Amino acid sequence: MKIGFIGTGVMGSGIIHNLLKNGHDVAVFTRTKSKADPLLEEGAQWASSPAELTQQVETVITMVGFPQDVEEVYFGDHGIFSTVTSGQILIDMTTSSPILAEKIGKKADELAVMALDAPVSGGDIGAQNATLTIMVGGNQTAFETMKPIFGQIGHATNYFGTYGAGQNAKMANQIMIAGTMTGLTEMLVYAKAARLDLKTVLETLSNGGASNWSMENYVPRILKNDYTPGFFAKHFLKDLKIALDQAKQMQVDLPATRLATQLYDNLVNQQGLGDDGTQALIKLWWK
């Protein structure tokens, strides 16, 4: 399949690598071309704008940073919607606003193209190893068409319903992760204060009821002082704010998620550590 991919960050690069590995023709666009150089060396082709990219492919996948980036990529003067043709499939894999996903879906319907919101979970490791979990909303025909492709970049894909449903599923995922990240952080703070061997604590907890993905993947990084981003702290803060906004609209109170948001806001906006990984939350305690 001829696939266009917009966004070559930590996650996008891993996904593009696996698409190339599976024999797809992939065109890429990112705002800083040098970031795409390793993918171009693997065989990806360069497009100079989202509009140009869209003209070259059957399917366009976007995975950028923030909802405002998504809006610009789709609705901007040189955006995807300026050059789409009937029958194309548009897939936004950015974790973004369900309301924006609905807006994209409505515009896609008007232009006789098919749109999906398909955010993922699994971090940089999942993107590299094609073990992502993919949460999909939008056009069901497009979903059925893309299922084989999703299977090449992830190990679990579920369809949740109309436009925005995939993003709402991802918000549920992020709410859960917020609890595991604060839990693993406070676990380490407590265990260190109690003078326990932290590697032994991790081994023990990983074999009991406290076992979870975040702890098993991020605590080893913390113990090696590795705060490189599997997922940027600034992007996680963005996700939690979206979740709280959506919850407010549904008249749902999420006090634990509010607290996690406050902690990550401190990390990102007061400590200036938004480009660290989410595991850097421990830095609020460990200087």
C-alpha atoms as a PDB file:
ATOM      1  CA  MET A   1       0.000   0.000   0.000  1.00  0.00           C
ATOM      2  CA  LYS A   2       1.122   3.584  -0.638  1.00  0.00           C
ATOM      3  CA  ILE A   3       1.077   5.220   2.773  1.00  0.00           C
ATOM      4  CA  GLY A   4       1.875   8.782   3.767  1.00  0.00           C
ATOM      5  CA  PHE A   5       3.069   9.378   7.315  1.00  0.00           C
ATOM      6  CA  ILE A   6       3.224  12.817   8.941  1.00  0.00           C
ATOM      7  CA  GLY A   7       5.329  12.975  12.108  1.00  0.00           C
ATOM      8  CA  THR A   8       8.656  11.198  12.632  1.00  0.00           C
ATOM      9  CA  GLY A   9       9.072  11.471  16.389  1.00  0.00           C
ATOM     10  CA  VAL A  10       9.862   8.713  18.864  1.00  0.00           C
ATOM     11  CA  MET A  11       6.654   6.815  18.125  1.00  0.00           C
ATOM     12  CA  GLY A  12       6.200   7.683  14.473  1.00  0.00           C
ATOM     13  CA  SER A  13       9.688   6.567  13.504  1.00  0.00           C
ATOM     14  CA  GLY A  14       9.145   3.115  14.979  1.00  0.00           C
ATOM     15  CA  ILE A  15       5.842   2.714  13.166  1.00  0.00           C
ATOM     16  CA  ILE A  16       7.276   3.903   9.842  1.00  0.00           C
ATOM     17  CA  HIS A  17      10.167   1.453  10.208  1.00  0.00           C
ATOM     18  CA  ASN A  18       7.715  -1.418  10.561  1.00  0.00           C
ATOM     19  CA  LEU A  19       5.623  -0.245   7.609  1.00  0.00           C
ATOM     20  CA  LEU A  20       8.759  -0.201   5.441  1.00  0.00           C
ATOM     21  CA  LYS A  21       9.784  -3.575   6.812  1.00  0.00           C
ATOM     22  CA  ASN A  22       6.439  -4.976   5.651  1.00  0.00           C
ATOM     23  CA  GLY A  23       6.956  -3.763   2.102  1.00  0.00           C
ATOM     24  CA  HIS A  24       4.804  -0.630   1.972  1.00  0.00           C
ATOM     25  CA  ASP A  25       5.750   2.430  -0.069  1.00  0.00           C
ATOM     26  CA  VAL A  26       5.950   5.184   2.547  1.00  0.00           C
ATOM     27  CA  ALA A  27       6.187   8.929   1.982  1.00  0.00           C
ATOM     28  CA  VAL A  28       6.962  11.069   5.030  1.00  0.00           C
ATOM     29  CA  PHE A  29       6.685  14.677   6.104  1.00  0.00           C
ATOM     30  CA  THR A  30       7.882  16.364   9.273  1.00  0.00           C
ATOM     31  CA  ARG A  31       8.593  20.013   9.982  1.00  0.00           C
ATOM     32  CA  THR A  32      12.334  19.387  10.382  1.00  0.00           C
ATOM     33  CA  LYS A  33      13.496  17.282   7.439  1.00  0.00           C
ATOM     34  CA  SER A  34      16.729  16.164   9.126  1.00  0.00           C
ATOM     35  CA  LYS A  35      14.670  14.200  11.669  1.00  0.00           C
ATOM     36  CA  ALA A  36      13.442  12.035   8.807  1.00  0.00           C
ATOM     37  CA  ASP A  37      16.922  11.288   7.426  1.00  0.00           C
ATOM     38  CA  PRO A  38      17.252   7.801   9.017  1.00  0.00           C
ATOM     39  CA  LEU A  39      13.886   6.829   7.524  1.00  0.00           C
ATOM     40  CA  LEU A  40      14.817   8.210   4.114  1.00  0.00           C
ATOM     41  CA  GLU A  41      17.931   6.042   4.265  1.00  0.00           C
ATOM     42  CA  GLU A  42      15.651   3.045   4.910  1.00  0.00           C
ATOM     43  CA  GLY A  43      13.697   3.795   1.754  1.00  0.00           C
ATOM     44  CA  ALA A  44      10.991   6.269   2.730  1.00  0.00           C
ATOM     45  CA  GLN A  45      10.292   9.117   0.305  1.00  0.00           C
ATOM     46  CA  TRP A  46      10.151  12.788   1.250  1.00  0.00           C
ATOM     47  CA  ALA A  47       7.170  15.106   0.695  1.00  0.00           C
ATOM     48  CA  SER A  48       7.511  18.850   1.190  1.00  0.00           C
ATOM     49  CA  SER A  49       4.085  19.416   2.766  1.00  0.00           C
ATOM     50  CA  PRO A  50       1.032  17.510   4.031  1.00  0.00           C
ATOM     51  CA  ALA A  51      -0.784  18.575   0.859  1.00  0.00           C
ATOM     52  CA  GLU A  52       1.927  17.172  -1.425  1.00  0.00           C
ATOM     53  CA  LEU A  53       2.130  13.966   0.590  1.00  0.00           C
ATOM     54  CA  THR A  54      -1.622  13.434   0.369  1.00  0.00           C
ATOM     55  CA  GLN A  55      -1.486  13.612  -3.431  1.00  0.00           C
ATOM     56  CA  GLN A  56       1.001  10.733  -3.563  1.00  0.00           C
ATOM     57  CA  VAL A  57      -0.679   8.060  -1.427  1.00  0.00           C
ATOM     58  CA  GLU A  58      -3.779   5.997  -0.750  1.00  0.00           C
ATOM     59  CA  THR A  59      -3.717   6.384   3.026  1.00  0.00           C
ATOM     60  CA  VAL A  60      -2.441   9.223   5.202  1.00  0.00           C
ATOM     61  CA  ILE A  61      -1.412   8.589   8.816  1.00  0.00           C
ATOM     62  CA  THR A  62      -0.679  11.471  11.176  1.00  0.00           C
ATOM     63  CA  MET A  63       1.129  11.284  14.499  1.00  0.00           C
ATOM     64  CA  VAL A  64       2.124  14.727  15.724  1.00  0.00           C
ATOM     65  CA  GLY A  65       2.454  16.401  19.107  1.00  0.00           C
ATOM     66  CA  PHE A  66      -0.595  18.408  20.140  1.00  0.00           C
ATOM     67  CA  PRO A  67      -4.197  18.973  19.017  1.00  0.00           C
ATOM     68  CA  GLN A  68      -3.232  22.342  17.504  1.00  0.00           C
ATOM     69  CA  ASP A  69      -0.662  20.484  15.373  1.00  0.00           C
ATOM     70  CA  VAL A  70      -3.334  18.035  14.241  1.00  0.00           C
ATOM     71  CA  GLU A  71      -5.649  20.896  13.306  1.00  0.00           C
ATOM     72  CA  GLU A  72      -2.936  22.601  11.254  1.00  0.00           C
ATOM     73  CA  VAL A  73      -1.935  19.390   9.470  1.00  0.00           C
ATOM     74  CA  TYR A  74      -5.525  18.669   8.417  1.00  0.00           C
ATOM     75  CA  PHE A  75      -7.127  22.092   7.981  1.00  0.00           C
ATOM     76  CA  GLY A  76      -4.145  24.378   7.203  1.00  0.00           C
ATOM     77  CA  ASP A  77      -3.586  26.093   3.852  1.00  0.00           C
ATOM     78  CA  HIS A  78      -1.214  23.289   2.811  1.00  0.00           C
ATOM     79  CA  GLY A  79      -2.962  20.652   4.876  1.00  0.00           C
ATOM     80  CA  ILE A  80      -4.347  17.240   4.081  1.00  0.00           C
ATOM     81  CA  PHE A  81      -7.876  18.408   3.316  1.00  0.00           C
ATOM     82  CA  SER A  82      -6.620  20.801   0.655  1.00  0.00           C
ATOM     83  CA  THR A  83      -5.691  17.921  -1.680  1.00  0.00           C
ATOM     84  CA  VAL A  84      -7.676  14.826  -0.621  1.00  0.00           C
ATOM     85  CA  THR A  85      -9.505  12.814  -3.259  1.00  0.00           C
ATOM     86  CA  SER A  86     -12.543  10.584  -2.902  1.00  0.00           C
ATOM     87  CA  GLY A  87     -11.884   7.187  -1.355  1.00  0.00           C
ATOM     88  CA  GLN A  88      -8.680   8.018   0.515  1.00  0.00           C
ATOM     89  CA  ILE A  89      -8.295   6.939   4.135  1.00  0.00           C
ATOM     90  CA  LEU A  90      -7.080   9.405   6.773  1.00  0.00           C
ATOM     91  CA  ILE A  91      -5.877   8.079  10.129  1.00  0.00           C
ATOM     92  CA  ASP A  92      -4.896  10.283  13.046  1.00  0.00           C
ATOM     93  CA  MET A  93      -2.799   8.283  15.521  1.00  0.00           C
ATOM     94  CA  THR A  94      -1.977  11.328  17.644  1.00  0.00           C
ATOM     95  CA  THR A  95      -3.463  11.238  21.120  1.00  0.00           C
ATOM     96  CA  SER A  96      -5.757  14.204  20.650  1.00  0.00           C
ATOM     97  CA  SER A  97      -9.156  15.643  21.499  1.00  0.00           C
ATOM     98  CA  PRO A  98     -12.254  13.534  20.802  1.00  0.00           C
ATOM     99  CA  ILE A  99     -13.982  16.766  19.731  1.00  0.00           C
ATOM    100  CA  LEU A 100     -11.285  17.398  17.120  1.00  0.00           C
ATOM    101  CA  ALA A 101     -11.598  13.796  15.911  1.00  0.00           C
ATOM    102  CA  GLU A 102     -15.317  14.424  15.364  1.00  0.00           C
ATOM    103  CA  LYS A 103     -14.504  17.622  13.437  1.00  0.00           C
ATOM    104  CA  ILE A 104     -12.060  15.746  11.192  1.00  0.00           C
ATOM    105  CA  GLY A 105     -14.605  12.980  10.646  1.00  0.00           C
ATOM    106  CA  LYS A 106     -17.331  15.411   9.666  1.00  0.00           C
ATOM    107  CA  LYS A 107     -15.051  17.147   7.144  1.00  0.00           C
ATOM    108  CA  ALA A 108     -13.970  13.765   5.754  1.00  0.00           C
ATOM    109  CA  ASP A 109     -17.617  12.809   5.207  1.00  0.00           C
ATOM    110  CA  GLU A 110     -18.179  16.061   3.325  1.00  0.00           C
ATOM    111  CA  LEU A 111     -15.231  15.295   1.023  1.00  0.00           C
ATOM    112  CA  ALA A 112     -16.159  11.615   0.476  1.00  0.00           C
ATOM    113  CA  VAL A 113     -13.021  10.331   2.213  1.00  0.00           C
ATOM    114  CA  MET A 114     -12.812   7.981   5.194  1.00  0.00           C
ATOM    115  CA  ALA A 115     -11.361   9.017   8.548  1.00  0.00           C
ATOM    116  CA  LEU A 116     -10.247   7.135  11.648  1.00  0.00           C
ATOM    117  CA  ASP A 117      -8.968   8.298  15.010  1.00  0.00           C
ATOM    118  CA  ALA A 118      -6.560   5.566  16.104  1.00  0.00           C
ATOM    119  CA  PRO A 119      -4.340   6.549  19.046  1.00  0.00           C
ATOM    120  CA  VAL A 120      -1.971   3.940  20.410  1.00  0.00           C
ATOM    121  CA  SER A 121      -0.493   2.715  23.658  1.00  0.00           C
ATOM    122  CA  GLY A 122       2.821   0.950  24.182  1.00  0.00           C
ATOM    123  CA  GLY A 123       5.428   3.704  24.075  1.00  0.00           C
ATOM    124  CA  ASP A 124       8.654   3.677  22.099  1.00  0.00           C
ATOM    125  CA  ILE A 125       9.178  -0.031  22.803  1.00  0.00           C
ATOM    126  CA  GLY A 126       5.773  -0.921  21.405  1.00  0.00           C
ATOM    127  CA  ALA A 127       6.370   1.205  18.305  1.00  0.00           C
ATOM    128  CA  GLN A 128       9.766  -0.379  17.687  1.00  0.00           C
ATOM    129  CA  ASN A 129       8.604  -3.957  18.284  1.00  0.00           C
ATOM    130  CA  ALA A 130       5.209  -3.671  16.540  1.00  0.00           C
ATOM    131  CA  THR A 131       3.413  -4.484  19.797  1.00  0.00           C
ATOM    132  CA  LEU A 132       1.257  -1.377  20.076  1.00  0.00           C
ATOM    133  CA  THR A 133      -2.325  -1.421  21.289  1.00  0.00           C
ATOM    134  CA  ILE A 134      -4.465   0.538  18.822  1.00  0.00           C
ATOM    135  CA  MET A 135      -7.790   2.121  19.816  1.00  0.00           C
ATOM    136  CA  VAL A 136      -9.951   3.018  16.841  1.00  0.00           C
ATOM    137  CA  GLY A 137     -12.981   5.181  16.169  1.00  0.00           C
ATOM    138  CA  GLY A 138     -14.487   6.435  12.916  1.00  0.00           C
ATOM    139  CA  ASN A 139     -15.474   4.933   9.573  1.00  0.00           C
ATOM    140  CA  GLN A 140     -15.970   1.203  10.034  1.00  0.00           C
ATOM    141  CA  THR A 141     -15.275   0.369   6.384  1.00  0.00           C
ATOM    142  CA  ALA A 142     -11.919   2.103   6.712  1.00  0.00           C
ATOM    143  CA  PHE A 143     -11.247   0.160   9.889  1.00  0.00           C
ATOM    144  CA  GLU A 144     -11.868  -3.179   8.154  1.00  0.00           C
ATOM    145  CA  THR A 145      -9.603  -2.107   5.279  1.00  0.00           C
ATOM    146  CA  MET A 146      -6.801  -1.092   7.621  1.00  0.00           C
ATOM    147  CA  LYS A 147      -6.945  -4.038  10.038  1.00  0.00           C
ATOM    148  CA  PRO A 148      -4.145  -5.947   8.260  1.00  0.00           C
ATOM    149  CA  ILE A 149      -1.931  -2.836   8.388  1.00  0.00           C
ATOM    150  CA  PHE A 150      -2.704  -2.288  12.071  1.00  0.00           C
ATOM    151  CA  GLY A 151      -1.670  -5.892  12.616  1.00  0.00           C
ATOM    152  CA  GLN A 152       1.772  -5.084  11.203  1.00  0.00           C
ATOM    153  CA  ILE A 153       2.420  -2.308  13.736  1.00  0.00           C
ATOM    154  CA  GLY A 154       0.544  -3.574  16.781  1.00  0.00           C
ATOM    155  CA  HIS A 155      -0.578  -6.726  18.556  1.00  0.00           C
ATOM    156  CA  ALA A 156      -4.062  -5.625  19.638  1.00  0.00           C
ATOM    157  CA  THR A 157      -6.550  -3.463  17.739  1.00  0.00           C
ATOM    158  CA  ASN A 158     -10.089  -2.686  18.856  1.00  0.00           C
ATOM    159  CA  TYR A 159     -12.852  -0.667  17.211  1.00  0.00           C
ATOM    160  CA  PHE A 160     -14.959   1.424  19.590  1.00  0.00           C
ATOM    161  CA  GLY A 161     -17.463   3.208  17.358  1.00  0.00           C
ATOM    162  CA  THR A 162     -17.919   6.499  15.579  1.00  0.00           C
ATOM    163  CA  TYR A 163     -15.587   9.491  15.328  1.00  0.00           C
ATOM    164  CA  GLY A 164     -13.893  10.315  18.633  1.00  0.00           C
ATOM    165  CA  ALA A 165     -14.467   6.894  20.192  1.00  0.00           C
ATOM    166  CA  GLY A 166     -10.834   5.892  19.697  1.00  0.00           C
ATOM    167  CA  GLN A 167      -9.671   9.058  21.423  1.00  0.00           C
ATOM    168  CA  ASN A 168     -12.059   8.457  24.325  1.00  0.00           C
ATOM    169  CA  ALA A 169     -10.661   4.930  24.702  1.00  0.00           C
ATOM    170  CA  LYS A 170      -7.154   6.421  24.788  1.00  0.00           C
ATOM    171  CA  MET A 171      -8.238   8.864  27.498  1.00  0.00           C
ATOM    172  CA  ALA A 172      -9.371   5.880  29.584  1.00  0.00           C
ATOM    173  CA  ASN A 173      -5.934   4.359  28.981  1.00  0.00           C
ATOM    174  CA  GLN A 174      -4.134   7.541  30.057  1.00  0.00           C
ATOM    175  CA  ILE A 175      -6.247   7.844  33.199  1.00  0.00           C
ATOM    176  CA  MET A 176      -5.131   4.345  34.152  1.00  0.00           C
ATOM    177  CA  ILE A 177      -1.474   5.069  33.359  1.00  0.00           C
ATOM    178  CA  ALA A 178      -1.624   8.242  35.473  1.00  0.00           C
ATOM    179  CA  GLY A 179      -2.343   6.027  38.460  1.00  0.00           C
ATOM    180  CA  THR A 180       0.436   3.572  37.679  1.00  0.00           C
ATOM    181  CA  MET A 181       2.996   6.359  37.171  1.00  0.00           C
ATOM    182  CA  THR A 182       2.198   8.064  40.482  1.00  0.00           C
ATOM    183  CA  GLY A 183       2.092   4.652  42.152  1.00  0.00           C
ATOM    184  CA  LEU A 184       5.482   3.506  40.876  1.00  0.00           C
ATOM    185  CA  THR A 185       6.997   6.881  41.788  1.00  0.00           C
ATOM    186  CA  GLU A 186       5.723   6.858  45.352  1.00  0.00           C
ATOM    187  CA  MET A 187       6.670   3.175  45.663  1.00  0.00           C
ATOM    188  CA  LEU A 188      10.287   4.062  44.851  1.00  0.00           C
ATOM    189  CA  VAL A 189      10.279   7.070  47.181  1.00  0.00           C
ATOM    190  CA  TYR A 190       8.958   4.921  50.032  1.00  0.00           C
ATOM    191  CA  ALA A 191      11.253   1.948  49.357  1.00  0.00           C
ATOM    192  CA  LYS A 192      14.330   4.165  49.172  1.00  0.00           C
ATOM    193  CA  ALA A 193      13.408   5.929  52.422  1.00  0.00           C
ATOM    194  CA  ALA A 194      13.023   2.487  54.043  1.00  0.00           C
ATOM    195  CA  ARG A 195      16.537   1.620  52.779  1.00  0.00           C
ATOM    196  CA  LEU A 196      15.365  -1.343  50.725  1.00  0.00           C
ATOM    197  CA  ASP A 197      17.329  -2.606  47.751  1.00  0.00           C
ATOM    198  CA  LEU A 198      15.377  -1.108  44.867  1.00  0.00           C
ATOM    199  CA  LYS A 199      16.294  -3.780  42.314  1.00  0.00           C
ATOM    200  CA  THR A 200      15.041  -6.468  44.683  1.00  0.00           C
ATOM    201  CA  VAL A 201      11.864  -4.466  45.315  1.00  0.00           C
ATOM    202  CA  LEU A 202      11.239  -4.279  41.569  1.00  0.00           C
ATOM    203  CA  GLU A 203      11.846  -8.004  41.118  1.00  0.00           C
ATOM    204  CA  THR A 204       9.501  -8.819  43.987  1.00  0.00           C
ATOM    205  CA  LEU A 205       6.683  -6.503  42.905  1.00  0.00           C
ATOM    206  CA  SER A 206       6.941  -7.664  39.295  1.00  0.00           C
ATOM    207  CA  ASN A 207       6.033 -11.168  40.461  1.00  0.00           C
ATOM    208  CA  GLY A 208       3.054 -10.159  42.578  1.00  0.00           C
ATOM    209  CA  GLY A 209      -0.216  -8.296  42.512  1.00  0.00           C
ATOM    210  CA  ALA A 210       1.529  -4.926  42.018  1.00  0.00           C
ATOM    211  CA  SER A 211       2.924  -5.930  38.626  1.00  0.00           C
ATOM    212  CA  ASN A 212       2.111  -3.502  35.816  1.00  0.00           C
ATOM    213  CA  TRP A 213       3.555  -2.406  32.441  1.00  0.00           C
ATOM    214  CA  SER A 214       4.693   1.028  33.587  1.00  0.00           C
ATOM    215  CA  MET A 215       6.598  -0.293  36.569  1.00  0.00           C
ATOM    216  CA  GLU A 216       8.313  -3.076  34.630  1.00  0.00           C
ATOM    217  CA  ASN A 217       9.345  -0.780  31.765  1.00  0.00           C
ATOM    218  CA  TYR A 218      10.127   2.498  33.535  1.00  0.00           C
ATOM    219  CA  VAL A 219      11.566   1.569  36.918  1.00  0.00           C
ATOM    220  CA  PRO A 220      14.649  -0.095  35.309  1.00  0.00           C
ATOM    221  CA  ARG A 221      15.225   3.151  33.403  1.00  0.00           C
ATOM    222  CA  ILE A 222      14.926   5.204  36.586  1.00  0.00           C
ATOM    223  CA  LEU A 223      17.410   2.954  38.390  1.00  0.00           C
ATOM    224  CA  LYS A 224      19.888   3.620  35.550  1.00  0.00           C
ATOM    225  CA  ASN A 225      19.170   7.379  35.627  1.00  0.00           C
ATOM    226  CA  ASP A 226      17.734   7.033  32.125  1.00  0.00           C
ATOM    227  CA  TYR A 227      15.091   9.692  31.550  1.00  0.00           C
ATOM    228  CA  THR A 228      15.060   9.571  27.761  1.00  0.00           C
ATOM    229  CA  PRO A 229      11.493   9.700  26.506  1.00  0.00           C
ATOM    230  CA  GLY A 230       9.621   6.568  25.626  1.00  0.00           C
ATOM    231  CA  PHE A 231       6.798   9.074  25.900  1.00  0.00           C
ATOM    232  CA  PHE A 232       7.390  12.776  26.540  1.00  0.00           C
ATOM    233  CA  ALA A 233       6.239  14.158  29.884  1.00  0.00           C
ATOM    234  CA  LYS A 234       4.865  17.234  28.086  1.00  0.00           C
ATOM    235  CA  HIS A 235       2.715  15.025  25.867  1.00  0.00           C
ATOM    236  CA  PHE A 236       1.419  13.050  28.841  1.00  0.00           C
ATOM    237  CA  LEU A 237       0.453  16.307  30.554  1.00  0.00           C
ATOM    238  CA  LYS A 238      -1.413  17.286  27.376  1.00  0.00           C
ATOM    239  CA  ASP A 239      -3.268  13.959  27.443  1.00  0.00           C
ATOM    240  CA  LEU A 240      -4.285  14.313  31.083  1.00  0.00           C
ATOM    241  CA  LYS A 241      -5.633  17.800  30.452  1.00  0.00           C
ATOM    242  CA  ILE A 242      -7.711  16.489  27.546  1.00  0.00           C
ATOM    243  CA  ALA A 243      -9.030  13.689  29.775  1.00  0.00           C
ATOM    244  CA  LEU A 244     -10.040  16.167  32.481  1.00  0.00           C
ATOM    245  CA  ASP A 245     -11.716  18.454  29.923  1.00  0.00           C
ATOM    246  CA  GLN A 246     -13.709  15.537  28.534  1.00  0.00           C
ATOM    247  CA  ALA A 247     -14.607  14.329  32.018  1.00  0.00           C
ATOM    248  CA  LYS A 248     -15.874  17.798  32.913  1.00  0.00           C
ATOM    249  CA  GLN A 249     -18.153  17.782  29.866  1.00  0.00           C
ATOM    250  CA  MET A 250     -19.500  14.382  30.943  1.00  0.00           C
ATOM    251  CA  GLN A 251     -19.880  15.640  34.540  1.00  0.00           C
ATOM    252  CA  VAL A 252     -17.439  13.033  35.839  1.00  0.00           C
ATOM    253  CA  ASP A 253     -15.086  13.843  38.724  1.00  0.00           C
ATOM    254  CA  LEU A 254     -11.574  12.324  38.524  1.00  0.00           C
ATOM    255  CA  PRO A 255      -9.705  13.469  41.664  1.00  0.00           C
ATOM    256  CA  ALA A 256      -6.740  11.095  41.277  1.00  0.00           C
ATOM    257  CA  THR A 257      -6.256  12.173  37.663  1.00  0.00           C
ATOM    258  CA  ARG A 258      -6.421  15.827  38.760  1.00  0.00           C
ATOM    259  CA  LEU A 259      -3.608  15.184  41.237  1.00  0.00           C
ATOM    260  CA  ALA A 260      -1.492  13.401  38.622  1.00  0.00           C
ATOM    261  CA  THR A 261      -2.063  16.347  36.281  1.00  0.00           C
ATOM    262  CA  GLN A 262      -0.868  18.779  38.948  1.00  0.00           C
ATOM    263  CA  LEU A 263       2.285  16.709  39.493  1.00  0.00           C
ATOM    264  CA  TYR A 264       3.078  16.539  35.787  1.00  0.00           C
ATOM    265  CA  ASP A 265       2.317  20.241  35.408  1.00  0.00           C
ATOM    266  CA  ASN A 266       4.934  20.879  38.093  1.00  0.00           C
ATOM    267  CA  LEU A 267       7.415  18.635  36.294  1.00  0.00           C
ATOM    268  CA  VAL A 268       6.835  20.199  32.875  1.00  0.00           C
ATOM    269  CA  ASN A 269       6.091  23.850  33.561  1.00  0.00           C
ATOM    270  CA  GLN A 270       7.878  24.544  36.845  1.00  0.00           C
ATOM    271  CA  GLN A 271      10.833  22.175  36.609  1.00  0.00           C
ATOM    272  CA  GLY A 272      11.189  22.570  32.828  1.00  0.00           C
ATOM    273  CA  LEU A 273      11.461  18.824  32.210  1.00  0.00           C
ATOM    274  CA  GLY A 274       8.802  18.364  29.549  1.00  0.00           C
ATOM    275  CA  ASP A 275      11.237  16.762  27.114  1.00  0.00           C
ATOM    276  CA  ASP A 276      12.104  14.018  29.609  1.00  0.00           C
ATOM    277  CA  GLY A 277      10.166  10.781  29.629  1.00  0.00           C
ATOM    278  CA  THR A 278       7.169  10.280  31.889  1.00  0.00           C
ATOM    279  CA  GLN A 279       9.417   8.384  34.329  1.00  0.00           C
ATOM    280  CA  ALA A 280      11.062  11.721  35.189  1.00  0.00           C
ATOM    281  CA  LEU A 281       8.198  12.298  37.639  1.00  0.00           C
ATOM    282  CA  ILE A 282      10.544  10.801  40.244  1.00  0.00           C
ATOM    283  CA  LYS A 283      12.665  13.957  39.917  1.00  0.00           C
ATOM    284  CA  LEU A 284      10.079  15.828  41.973  1.00  0.00           C
ATOM    285  CA  TRP A 285      11.443  13.776  44.897  1.00  0.00           C
ATOM    286  CA  TRP A 286      14.904  12.698  43.771  1.00  0.00           C
ATOM    287  CA  LYS A 287      16.990  15.686  42.769  1.00  0.00           C
END
